[in-house]
Protein backbone atom coordinates (compact mmCIF):
# COMPACT_ATOMS: atom_id res chain seq x y z
CA MET A 1 46.33 35.53 -32.37
CA PHE A 2 49.40 35.55 -34.50
CA LYS A 3 47.44 36.71 -37.71
CA LYS A 4 45.42 39.42 -36.10
CA CYS A 5 48.73 40.84 -34.70
CA LYS A 6 50.63 41.19 -38.12
CA SER A 7 46.88 42.42 -40.27
CA ILE A 8 47.18 45.35 -37.96
CA LEU A 9 50.76 45.48 -37.80
CA LEU A 10 49.98 45.75 -42.15
CA VAL A 11 47.82 48.18 -42.19
CA ILE A 12 50.41 50.86 -39.57
CA LEU A 13 52.73 50.17 -41.87
CA ILE A 14 51.14 50.94 -45.24
CA THR A 15 48.27 53.51 -44.01
CA PHE A 16 51.14 55.89 -42.17
CA PRO A 17 52.57 57.45 -44.77
CA PHE A 18 49.23 57.96 -46.99
CA PHE A 19 47.98 59.59 -44.14
CA ALA A 20 51.16 61.38 -43.29
CA LEU A 21 51.21 62.48 -46.91
CA ALA A 22 46.82 62.70 -47.33
CA HIS A 23 47.32 65.39 -49.91
CA VAL A 24 48.63 66.79 -53.21
CA GLU A 25 50.47 69.74 -51.83
CA HIS A 26 53.55 66.60 -51.74
CA TYR A 27 53.25 66.95 -55.91
CA LYS A 28 54.14 70.92 -56.01
CA ASP A 29 57.42 69.78 -56.48
CA LEU A 30 56.48 67.72 -59.70
CA ASN A 31 57.56 69.13 -63.23
CA LYS A 32 56.97 66.18 -65.49
CA ILE A 33 55.63 62.25 -65.29
CA GLU A 34 55.73 60.85 -68.68
CA PHE A 35 55.06 56.91 -69.11
CA ASP A 36 55.32 54.88 -72.38
CA ILE A 37 52.24 52.50 -72.54
CA TYR A 38 52.82 48.56 -73.77
CA ARG A 39 50.50 46.28 -75.03
CA ASN A 40 51.67 43.19 -75.29
CA ASN A 41 54.97 44.15 -74.32
CA LYS A 42 54.71 46.33 -77.48
CA LEU A 43 55.02 50.41 -77.80
CA ILE A 44 52.05 51.55 -78.42
CA GLY A 45 51.46 55.32 -77.54
CA TYR A 46 52.70 57.53 -74.31
CA HIS A 47 50.37 59.12 -71.04
CA ILE A 48 52.16 62.48 -69.80
CA PHE A 49 51.41 64.42 -66.60
CA SER A 50 52.08 68.26 -67.06
CA PHE A 51 52.27 70.10 -63.42
CA SER A 52 52.36 73.89 -62.35
CA ASN A 53 52.07 75.80 -59.56
CA ASN A 54 50.21 79.39 -59.39
CA ASN A 55 50.17 80.29 -55.17
CA ASP A 56 47.41 78.21 -53.72
CA LEU A 57 46.36 76.12 -57.15
CA LEU A 58 47.90 73.03 -58.71
CA GLU A 59 46.82 72.27 -62.62
CA VAL A 60 47.59 69.05 -63.54
CA LYS A 61 47.30 68.12 -67.64
CA SER A 62 47.34 65.10 -69.33
CA GLU A 63 47.81 63.89 -72.69
CA ILE A 64 47.04 59.81 -73.68
CA LYS A 65 48.02 59.08 -76.83
CA PHE A 66 47.75 55.20 -78.04
CA LYS A 67 47.65 53.16 -81.61
CA ILE A 68 46.52 49.39 -82.13
CA LYS A 69 47.77 48.36 -85.48
CA LYS A 70 47.50 45.16 -87.36
CA PHE A 71 50.17 44.41 -90.66
CA GLY A 72 50.43 48.67 -90.21
CA VAL A 73 46.31 49.40 -90.42
CA VAL A 74 45.08 51.49 -87.77
CA LEU A 75 42.56 49.16 -85.67
CA TYR A 76 42.22 51.40 -82.89
CA ASP A 77 42.99 54.74 -82.14
CA TYR A 78 43.02 56.39 -78.78
CA LYS A 79 43.75 60.72 -77.57
CA VAL A 80 42.89 61.86 -74.49
CA THR A 81 43.54 65.03 -73.16
CA GLY A 82 43.05 66.47 -69.62
CA THR A 83 43.05 69.12 -66.79
CA GLU A 84 42.68 68.81 -63.27
CA VAL A 85 42.70 72.04 -60.94
CA TYR A 86 43.34 71.78 -56.93
CA LYS A 87 42.83 74.45 -54.52
CA ASP A 88 44.80 74.01 -50.99
CA GLY A 89 44.69 70.52 -51.69
CA VAL A 90 41.22 69.92 -53.17
CA LEU A 91 39.79 69.45 -56.42
CA ILE A 92 37.61 72.28 -57.56
CA LYS A 93 37.60 70.88 -61.63
CA PHE A 94 38.69 68.87 -63.79
CA ASN A 95 37.61 68.92 -67.89
CA SER A 96 38.40 66.27 -69.83
CA LYS A 97 38.01 64.95 -73.41
CA THR A 98 38.28 61.72 -75.18
CA ASN A 99 38.44 61.12 -78.94
CA GLN A 100 38.07 57.26 -78.52
CA ASN A 101 38.57 55.31 -81.87
CA GLY A 102 36.23 58.01 -83.35
CA LYS A 103 33.58 58.43 -80.52
CA SER A 104 33.56 61.48 -78.04
CA LYS A 105 33.48 60.87 -74.87
CA TYR A 106 33.70 63.66 -72.01
CA VAL A 107 33.76 64.97 -68.31
CA ASN A 108 33.20 68.15 -66.86
CA ILE A 109 33.67 67.85 -62.83
CA LYS A 110 33.29 71.21 -60.26
CA SER A 111 33.27 71.73 -56.86
CA GLU A 112 30.06 72.65 -54.90
CA ASN A 113 28.94 72.83 -51.09
CA ASP A 114 31.53 69.75 -50.36
CA GLU A 115 30.44 67.94 -52.82
CA LEU A 116 31.79 67.13 -56.98
CA VAL A 117 29.26 67.82 -59.49
CA VAL A 118 29.94 65.75 -62.33
CA ASP A 119 28.89 66.52 -66.21
CA GLY A 120 30.05 63.14 -68.42
CA SER A 121 29.11 61.34 -70.63
CA SER A 122 28.16 58.31 -68.79
CA HIS A 123 26.98 60.05 -65.74
CA LYS A 124 25.62 63.48 -64.64
CA GLY A 125 25.01 64.26 -61.20
CA LYS A 126 26.08 64.88 -57.11
CA VAL A 127 28.64 62.37 -55.73
CA SER A 128 30.91 62.52 -52.73
CA ALA A 129 33.74 64.59 -52.13
CA ASN A 130 35.37 61.81 -51.02
CA TYR A 131 35.64 60.48 -54.29
CA LEU A 132 38.25 61.07 -56.47
CA ILE A 133 39.67 61.02 -60.28
CA GLY A 134 41.22 57.42 -61.93
CA THR A 135 44.14 59.61 -63.23
CA TRP A 136 46.59 57.43 -60.89
CA TRP A 137 49.02 59.86 -59.76
CA ASN A 138 47.82 60.57 -56.73
CA HIS A 139 48.18 58.20 -54.79
CA SER A 140 45.07 59.01 -52.41
CA LEU A 141 43.44 56.97 -54.38
CA VAL A 142 44.21 53.90 -52.28
CA LYS A 143 42.02 55.12 -49.68
CA ALA A 144 38.67 56.72 -51.66
CA PRO A 145 35.46 54.53 -51.59
CA ALA A 146 35.03 54.87 -55.08
CA GLN A 147 36.75 56.47 -58.09
CA ILE A 148 35.59 59.09 -61.01
CA SER A 149 36.19 58.34 -64.72
CA ALA A 150 38.44 60.79 -66.19
CA VAL A 151 37.46 60.07 -69.46
CA SER A 152 33.41 59.47 -69.32
CA GLY A 153 32.45 60.38 -65.30
CA ARG A 154 31.46 56.86 -64.55
CA ILE A 155 31.13 56.36 -60.79
CA ILE A 156 33.74 53.31 -60.05
CA LYS A 157 33.33 51.74 -56.26
CA GLN A 158 36.11 50.29 -55.72
CA LYS A 159 38.37 47.40 -53.06
CA VAL A 160 42.29 48.66 -52.79
CA LYS A 161 44.76 45.41 -51.70
CA PHE A 162 48.04 46.04 -50.78
CA ILE A 163 49.34 43.20 -52.72
CA GLY A 164 53.33 43.88 -50.47
CA LYS A 165 56.54 45.39 -51.58
CA ASP A 166 58.81 45.23 -54.91
CA THR A 167 61.15 46.46 -56.28
CA ILE A 168 61.17 48.43 -60.08
CA ASN A 169 64.09 49.59 -62.11
CA PHE A 170 64.09 53.43 -63.05
CA ASN A 171 67.24 54.45 -64.90
CA GLY A 172 69.31 51.79 -63.91
CA LYS A 173 68.22 52.44 -60.27
CA GLU A 174 66.20 50.40 -58.12
CA ILE A 175 63.38 51.83 -56.12
CA SER A 176 61.12 50.08 -53.60
CA ALA A 177 57.35 50.84 -54.85
CA LEU A 178 53.86 49.37 -52.17
CA HIS A 179 52.37 47.57 -55.09
CA PHE A 180 48.39 48.00 -54.60
CA ASN A 181 45.84 46.29 -56.89
CA PHE A 182 42.31 47.81 -57.33
CA SER A 183 39.08 46.19 -58.26
CA SER A 184 35.25 47.16 -58.92
CA THR A 185 32.95 46.11 -55.73
CA ASP A 186 30.12 45.86 -57.91
CA GLN A 187 30.63 42.06 -59.46
CA LYS A 188 27.10 42.28 -61.28
CA LEU A 189 29.45 44.92 -64.02
CA GLU A 190 30.23 43.48 -67.43
CA LYS A 191 34.17 42.33 -67.56
CA LYS A 192 35.34 45.35 -69.85
CA LYS A 193 33.92 47.21 -67.39
CA LYS A 194 35.13 45.80 -64.22
CA LEU A 195 38.49 47.91 -62.56
CA ASN A 196 41.07 45.38 -62.06
CA THR A 197 44.12 47.21 -61.93
CA ASP A 198 48.01 46.70 -60.11
CA VAL A 199 49.53 49.70 -59.84
CA TRP A 200 53.11 50.33 -58.02
CA TYR A 201 53.94 54.01 -55.96
CA ASP A 202 57.38 54.55 -54.65
CA GLU A 203 57.48 53.97 -51.17
CA LYS A 204 59.75 56.94 -50.31
CA ASN A 205 57.87 59.43 -52.13
CA LEU A 206 54.73 58.38 -53.03
CA ASN A 207 54.89 58.91 -56.81
CA TRP A 208 53.47 56.68 -59.31
CA LEU A 209 56.32 54.08 -60.88
CA LYS A 210 54.01 51.15 -63.08
CA ALA A 211 50.58 50.02 -63.76
CA THR A 212 49.16 47.10 -65.69
CA PHE A 213 45.90 45.56 -66.79
CA LYS A 214 44.45 43.21 -68.68
CA LYS A 215 41.97 43.99 -71.61
CA SER A 216 42.21 42.59 -74.83
CA GLY A 217 45.70 42.01 -73.61
CA ASN A 218 48.15 42.70 -71.17
CA TRP A 219 49.14 46.40 -71.11
CA GLU A 220 51.48 47.83 -69.02
CA TYR A 221 52.41 52.19 -67.90
CA ARG A 222 56.48 51.81 -67.84
CA LEU A 223 57.46 55.44 -66.47
CA LYS A 224 59.93 56.82 -68.78
CA VAL A 225 60.31 60.59 -67.10
CA ILE A 226 60.10 61.77 -63.53
CA ASN A 227 61.55 65.26 -62.41
């Protein structure tokens, strides 16, 4: 009985703020989020989000660049640019282009009749509008049944687990954060394609604070700028 009550209480405590701020409108005052990308505790690049508002439209532009080097030689070069456009808090289109160490990937998404039409290098077709783009800044991703790869359009059905509350230090300030783990529900996937990412959101305003995952090394997104 105690375990059941504890579980219900946990759901209320964690779910309530997400229902209270269930759309992207509360990001309208954001201008920029910038992360430094670390691999095996070494700075290799950055990920920047730029936010702009025009009446009922929210445009979010993102840019990722990193290089993996060994003895000064570039072994892996990765670049992504993407743009998300929301109207009244609902995604209406998304476009991205990726150069993955010389290999081109892309995604084009548009909203059509309460569905999302995906044209990507790894997936083409219509999907539920409840599927969200896996760009992480939007906290609503914790409620989505699946995310759409922002690189290739691949559909990743997910399970989201609340790990607990943590404290993250940013610019000398301690921030109370909600820690989640995102994992693939399809256990038949190759290990390299399985989702297994830990993400932290600010408990107060639900801004993205940090992410970690393992893929040919230990990766970490460390918040550099948010305003």
